[in-house]
């Protein structure tokens, strides 16, 4: 089973740096949301999830579903840095014929639990995984990360009702609530607030946290672990572009890659990770 001595702070910093590197090299991608979920992804892959990079199909592994698949640069970093594939492959992000596409594809890439793209479907997939684990009498858990704008999709709430109906206490939905989507503030496009009360109304146990507070994230995951009889929703307040001043809170960075000068500026602002950058400052 995977274990690491890497601190979660260093892991989150590494993920953010890798997000910048991937999107600048590809000249494409979605850096804003990926930077915003870096702390959550670090806490999952370098702390909470039971997973084994040497045996990606281990039957009793915990499952992680990235429903907002456009944020995959953060997931690819976590997978590479925990040993699923060589870190150098991050430089092939969004390349034709490469395994690291703009939305995750399970077919070729170890560690990816499901392909993504159309928003609103990941929670249903994760619920299927949780139900399958129950049928196998496995103690594996399923975690699904969603964006707040994604909650505008009706399928999310059909899935939420299903998870509560089956009392799936090994199922956790984590919402990255940054208040922004590609068209601007979520409250103006189609308001999804109050998110916590909506999940509560569907019968979920709900925890509200600062999505950049690693201690709070770990406590919320521990609470999920201890909850019985119903699924858990962790509503995490996050900031689009977190860690890079000129990106923070700006909807235009939803799907806009940094230029080379902007990437160098971003890397200067971000804390150091636990491995050398794959794209150097000599450029």
Protein backbone atom coordinates (compact mmCIF):
# COMPACT_ATOMS: atom_id res chain seq x y z
CA UNK A 1 0.00 0.00 0.00
CA UNK A 2 1.20 3.52 -0.78
CA UNK A 3 2.90 5.46 2.01
CA UNK A 4 4.94 8.64 2.00
CA UNK A 5 6.99 10.84 4.29
CA UNK A 6 6.17 13.90 2.16
CA UNK A 7 4.38 16.64 4.10
CA UNK A 8 0.97 17.61 2.78
CA UNK A 9 2.14 21.22 2.48
CA UNK A 10 5.01 20.21 0.21
CA UNK A 11 2.71 17.88 -1.73
CA UNK A 12 0.18 20.67 -2.35
CA UNK A 13 2.98 23.02 -3.41
CA UNK A 14 4.31 20.39 -5.82
CA UNK A 15 0.87 19.91 -7.35
CA UNK A 16 0.47 23.66 -7.90
CA UNK A 17 3.88 23.95 -9.52
CA UNK A 18 3.13 20.97 -11.76
CA UNK A 19 -0.19 22.54 -12.79
CA UNK A 20 1.64 25.66 -13.97
CA UNK A 21 4.28 23.62 -15.78
CA UNK A 22 1.77 21.38 -17.54
CA UNK A 23 -0.42 24.20 -18.78
CA UNK A 24 2.42 26.45 -19.95
CA UNK A 25 4.09 23.63 -21.86
CA UNK A 26 0.80 22.53 -23.44
CA UNK A 27 -0.26 26.13 -24.06
CA UNK A 28 -3.67 24.83 -23.09
CA UNK A 29 -5.61 23.68 -20.05
CA UNK A 30 -7.55 24.80 -17.01
CA UNK A 31 -5.12 26.09 -14.37
CA UNK A 32 -7.56 28.05 -12.20
CA UNK A 33 -9.63 25.20 -10.81
CA UNK A 34 -6.65 22.84 -10.66
CA UNK A 35 -4.74 25.28 -8.45
CA UNK A 36 -7.84 25.61 -6.29
CA UNK A 37 -8.15 21.89 -5.56
CA UNK A 38 -4.44 21.23 -4.96
CA UNK A 39 -4.76 21.06 -1.16
CA UNK A 40 -7.69 18.64 -1.35
CA UNK A 41 -5.95 16.40 -3.87
CA UNK A 42 -2.74 16.44 -1.81
CA UNK A 43 -4.62 15.45 1.35
CA UNK A 44 -6.30 12.58 -0.49
CA UNK A 45 -3.34 11.11 -2.38
CA UNK A 46 -0.58 11.77 0.14
CA UNK A 47 -2.58 11.23 3.31
CA UNK A 48 -6.04 9.67 3.24
CA UNK A 49 -6.63 7.32 0.31
CA UNK A 50 -5.56 3.70 0.47
CA UNK A 51 -3.94 3.14 -2.90
CA UNK A 52 -0.99 1.29 -4.37
CA UNK A 53 0.83 2.69 -7.43
CA UNK A 54 2.54 -0.68 -7.91
CA UNK A 55 -0.86 -2.37 -8.10
CA UNK A 56 -3.34 0.14 -9.56
CA UNK A 57 -6.10 -2.48 -9.87
CA UNK A 58 -5.89 -3.59 -6.23
CA UNK A 59 -9.50 -4.56 -5.56
CA UNK A 60 -9.77 -3.05 -2.08
CA UNK A 61 -8.23 0.31 -2.95
CA UNK A 62 -10.15 3.48 -2.19
CA UNK A 63 -11.56 5.10 -5.32
CA UNK A 64 -11.23 8.76 -6.28
CA UNK A 65 -13.42 10.19 -9.03
CA UNK A 66 -12.59 13.62 -10.45
CA UNK A 67 -16.00 14.66 -11.69
CA UNK A 68 -14.84 18.12 -12.79
CA UNK A 69 -12.36 16.48 -15.15
CA UNK A 70 -11.05 19.73 -16.64
CA UNK A 71 -9.07 20.15 -13.39
CA UNK A 72 -7.07 17.03 -14.25
CA UNK A 73 -3.65 18.73 -14.18
CA UNK A 74 -3.85 18.48 -10.37
CA UNK A 75 -4.81 14.79 -10.53
CA UNK A 76 -2.03 13.99 -13.02
CA UNK A 77 0.51 15.62 -10.73
CA UNK A 78 -0.67 13.58 -7.73
CA UNK A 79 -0.60 10.35 -9.73
CA UNK A 80 2.85 11.01 -11.18
CA UNK A 81 4.40 12.19 -7.93
CA UNK A 82 3.05 9.18 -6.02
CA UNK A 83 4.48 6.77 -8.59
CA UNK A 84 1.81 5.75 -11.10
CA UNK A 85 3.88 6.96 -14.06
CA UNK A 86 7.12 8.93 -14.56
CA UNK A 87 6.90 12.59 -13.59
CA UNK A 88 8.52 13.56 -16.90
CA UNK A 89 5.34 12.44 -18.64
CA UNK A 90 3.61 15.51 -17.19
CA UNK A 91 5.33 17.43 -19.99
CA UNK A 92 3.12 15.58 -22.49
CA UNK A 93 -0.06 17.12 -21.03
CA UNK A 94 -2.80 17.53 -23.66
CA UNK A 95 -0.53 16.32 -26.46
CA UNK A 96 -1.89 14.38 -29.44
CA UNK A 97 -1.47 10.66 -28.81
CA UNK A 98 -0.42 11.20 -25.19
CA UNK A 99 -2.01 9.59 -22.14
CA UNK A 100 -2.54 12.86 -20.25
CA UNK A 101 -5.46 14.30 -22.13
CA UNK A 102 -7.42 17.45 -21.29
CA UNK A 103 -9.95 15.29 -19.46
CA UNK A 104 -8.87 12.02 -17.81
CA UNK A 105 -9.20 8.82 -19.82
CA UNK A 106 -9.13 5.55 -17.89
CA UNK A 107 -8.21 3.38 -20.87
CA UNK A 108 -4.45 3.96 -20.87
CA UNK A 109 -3.52 5.76 -17.65
CA UNK A 110 -3.01 3.81 -14.40
CA UNK A 111 -4.62 5.38 -11.35
CA UNK A 112 -7.49 7.03 -13.25
CA UNK A 113 -10.70 5.42 -12.02
CA UNK A 114 -13.05 6.74 -14.68
CA UNK A 115 -12.96 8.84 -17.81
CA UNK A 116 -14.37 12.34 -17.43
CA UNK A 117 -15.59 15.18 -19.59
CA UNK A 118 -19.34 15.81 -19.39
CA UNK A 119 -19.96 17.49 -16.06
CA UNK A 120 -22.38 16.11 -13.49
CA UNK A 121 -21.68 12.41 -13.98
CA UNK A 122 -18.88 11.66 -11.54
CA UNK A 123 -21.03 11.35 -8.43
CA UNK A 124 -23.15 8.67 -10.10
CA UNK A 125 -20.00 6.75 -11.05
CA UNK A 126 -18.59 6.97 -7.52
CA UNK A 127 -21.89 5.76 -6.07
CA UNK A 128 -21.68 2.73 -8.34
CA UNK A 129 -18.21 2.05 -6.98
CA UNK A 130 -19.45 2.34 -3.39
CA UNK A 131 -22.35 -0.02 -4.09
CA UNK A 132 -20.00 -2.51 -5.76
CA UNK A 133 -17.69 -2.42 -2.73
CA UNK A 134 -20.66 -3.15 -0.49
CA UNK A 135 -21.63 -6.16 -2.61
CA UNK A 136 -18.05 -7.45 -2.33
CA UNK A 137 -18.12 -6.80 1.44
CA UNK A 138 -15.05 -4.63 0.89
CA UNK A 139 -14.24 -1.71 3.18
CA UNK A 140 -13.08 0.40 0.20
CA UNK A 141 -14.33 3.98 0.14
CA UNK A 142 -15.28 6.18 -2.79
CA UNK A 143 -14.56 9.91 -2.89
CA UNK A 144 -15.84 12.21 -5.63
CA UNK A 145 -14.66 15.76 -6.21
CA UNK A 146 -17.09 18.16 -7.89
CA UNK A 147 -17.05 21.84 -8.79
CA UNK A 148 -19.77 24.13 -7.47
CA UNK A 149 -20.93 25.13 -10.96
CA UNK A 150 -21.27 21.43 -11.71
CA UNK A 151 -24.07 21.24 -9.14
CA UNK A 152 -26.28 22.94 -11.71
CA UNK A 153 -26.52 19.54 -13.40
CA UNK A 154 -29.67 17.64 -12.43
CA UNK A 155 -27.93 14.28 -12.42
CA UNK A 156 -25.92 15.36 -9.36
CA UNK A 157 -29.08 15.55 -7.29
CA UNK A 158 -30.48 12.27 -8.60
CA UNK A 159 -27.20 10.71 -7.48
CA UNK A 160 -27.35 12.48 -4.11
CA UNK A 161 -30.81 11.03 -3.52
CA UNK A 162 -29.58 7.56 -4.49
CA UNK A 163 -26.59 7.65 -2.11
CA UNK A 164 -28.80 8.65 0.80
CA UNK A 165 -31.43 6.04 -0.07
CA UNK A 166 -28.84 3.27 0.06
CA UNK A 167 -27.21 4.74 3.18
CA UNK A 168 -23.79 4.71 1.52
CA UNK A 169 -21.61 5.69 4.45
CA UNK A 170 -18.47 4.79 2.50
CA UNK A 171 -19.31 7.48 -0.06
CA UNK A 172 -17.99 11.05 0.16
CA UNK A 173 -18.69 13.99 -2.14
CA UNK A 174 -16.25 16.90 -1.92
CA UNK A 175 -17.42 20.16 -3.46
CA UNK A 176 -14.82 22.75 -4.48
CA UNK A 177 -16.88 25.86 -3.85
CA UNK A 178 -14.92 28.70 -5.48
CA UNK A 179 -17.96 30.67 -6.61
CA UNK A 180 -16.82 30.84 -10.24
CA UNK A 181 -17.39 29.03 -13.50
CA UNK A 182 -16.41 29.66 -17.10
CA UNK A 183 -19.14 32.31 -17.59
CA UNK A 184 -18.44 34.18 -14.34
CA UNK A 185 -19.80 34.08 -10.77
CA UNK A 186 -21.85 30.96 -10.13
CA UNK A 187 -24.48 32.97 -8.24
CA UNK A 188 -25.19 34.94 -11.44
CA UNK A 189 -25.11 32.02 -13.89
CA UNK A 190 -27.35 29.78 -11.78
CA UNK A 191 -27.12 30.04 -8.03
CA UNK A 192 -26.43 26.73 -6.26
CA UNK A 193 -26.36 28.14 -2.72
CA UNK A 194 -26.84 27.07 -0.01
CA UNK A 195 -24.85 23.98 -0.95
CA UNK A 196 -24.56 22.51 2.55
CA UNK A 197 -28.28 22.81 3.25
CA UNK A 198 -29.14 21.22 -0.08
CA UNK A 199 -27.04 18.13 0.70
CA UNK A 200 -28.50 18.01 4.21
CA UNK A 201 -32.00 18.08 2.71
CA UNK A 202 -31.06 15.03 0.63
CA UNK A 203 -30.05 13.14 3.79
CA UNK A 204 -26.28 13.58 3.77
CA UNK A 205 -23.97 14.29 6.66
CA UNK A 206 -22.33 17.63 5.82
CA UNK A 207 -19.05 19.25 6.84
CA UNK A 208 -18.16 22.81 5.79
CA UNK A 209 -14.48 23.72 5.68
CA UNK A 210 -11.82 26.03 4.30
CA UNK A 211 -10.60 24.02 1.32
CA UNK A 212 -7.05 25.37 1.72
CA UNK A 213 -6.69 24.43 5.39
CA UNK A 214 -4.98 21.04 5.33
CA UNK A 215 -5.77 20.34 8.97
CA UNK A 216 -9.45 21.07 8.34
CA UNK A 217 -9.43 18.82 5.27
CA UNK A 218 -7.94 15.97 7.28
CA UNK A 219 -10.46 16.45 10.11
CA UNK A 220 -13.32 16.40 7.60
CA UNK A 221 -12.03 13.18 6.05
CA UNK A 222 -11.71 11.66 9.53
CA UNK A 223 -15.32 12.65 10.21
CA UNK A 224 -16.36 10.96 6.96
CA UNK A 225 -14.48 7.86 8.07
CA UNK A 226 -16.38 7.83 11.38
CA UNK A 227 -19.86 8.53 9.98
CA UNK A 228 -22.24 5.59 9.69
CA UNK A 229 -25.60 5.18 8.02
CA UNK A 230 -25.40 8.01 5.48
CA UNK A 231 -23.05 9.53 2.92
CA UNK A 232 -20.86 12.53 3.67
CA UNK A 233 -20.58 15.79 1.76
CA UNK A 234 -17.57 18.04 2.41
CA UNK A 235 -18.29 21.56 1.18
CA UNK A 236 -14.87 23.17 0.79
CA UNK A 237 -14.55 26.89 0.17
CA UNK A 238 -11.73 27.32 -2.33
CA UNK A 239 -10.15 30.08 -4.43
CA UNK A 240 -9.73 29.76 -8.17
CA UNK A 241 -6.04 30.20 -8.99
CA UNK A 242 -5.00 29.76 -5.36
CA UNK A 243 -1.37 30.68 -4.72
CA UNK A 244 -0.84 32.86 -7.79
CA UNK A 245 -1.82 36.46 -7.12
CA UNK A 246 -2.75 37.42 -10.68
CA UNK A 247 -4.95 34.31 -11.05
CA UNK A 248 -6.76 34.27 -7.71
CA UNK A 249 -10.50 34.80 -7.92
CA UNK A 250 -10.44 35.48 -11.68
CA UNK A 251 -12.89 33.48 -13.81
CA UNK A 252 -10.81 34.05 -16.96
CA UNK A 253 -8.24 31.57 -15.62
CA UNK A 254 -10.83 28.78 -15.73
CA UNK A 255 -9.51 27.72 -19.13
CA UNK A 256 -6.63 30.05 -19.98
CA UNK A 257 -3.03 28.78 -19.78
CA UNK A 258 -0.27 31.11 -18.60
CA UNK A 259 2.25 32.54 -21.02
CA UNK A 260 5.91 31.76 -20.38
CA UNK A 261 6.51 35.07 -18.51
CA UNK A 262 3.33 34.51 -16.48
CA UNK A 263 4.40 30.95 -15.68
CA UNK A 264 7.79 32.13 -14.46
CA UNK A 265 6.04 34.73 -12.30
CA UNK A 266 3.68 32.07 -10.92
CA UNK A 267 6.52 29.70 -10.05
CA UNK A 268 8.29 32.53 -8.25
CA UNK A 269 5.19 33.06 -6.11
CA UNK A 270 4.54 29.42 -5.25
CA UNK A 271 6.29 27.58 -2.39
CA UNK A 272 8.82 24.95 -3.33
CA UNK A 273 7.62 21.40 -3.72
CA UNK A 274 9.45 18.17 -2.96
CA UNK A 275 10.91 17.62 -6.45
CA UNK A 276 12.64 19.77 -9.07
CA UNK A 277 10.46 21.57 -11.58
CA UNK A 278 10.26 19.89 -14.98
CA UNK A 279 10.27 23.26 -16.75
CA UNK A 280 13.18 25.46 -15.71
CA UNK A 281 13.64 29.13 -14.94
CA UNK A 282 16.35 29.43 -17.58
CA UNK A 283 13.65 30.10 -20.20
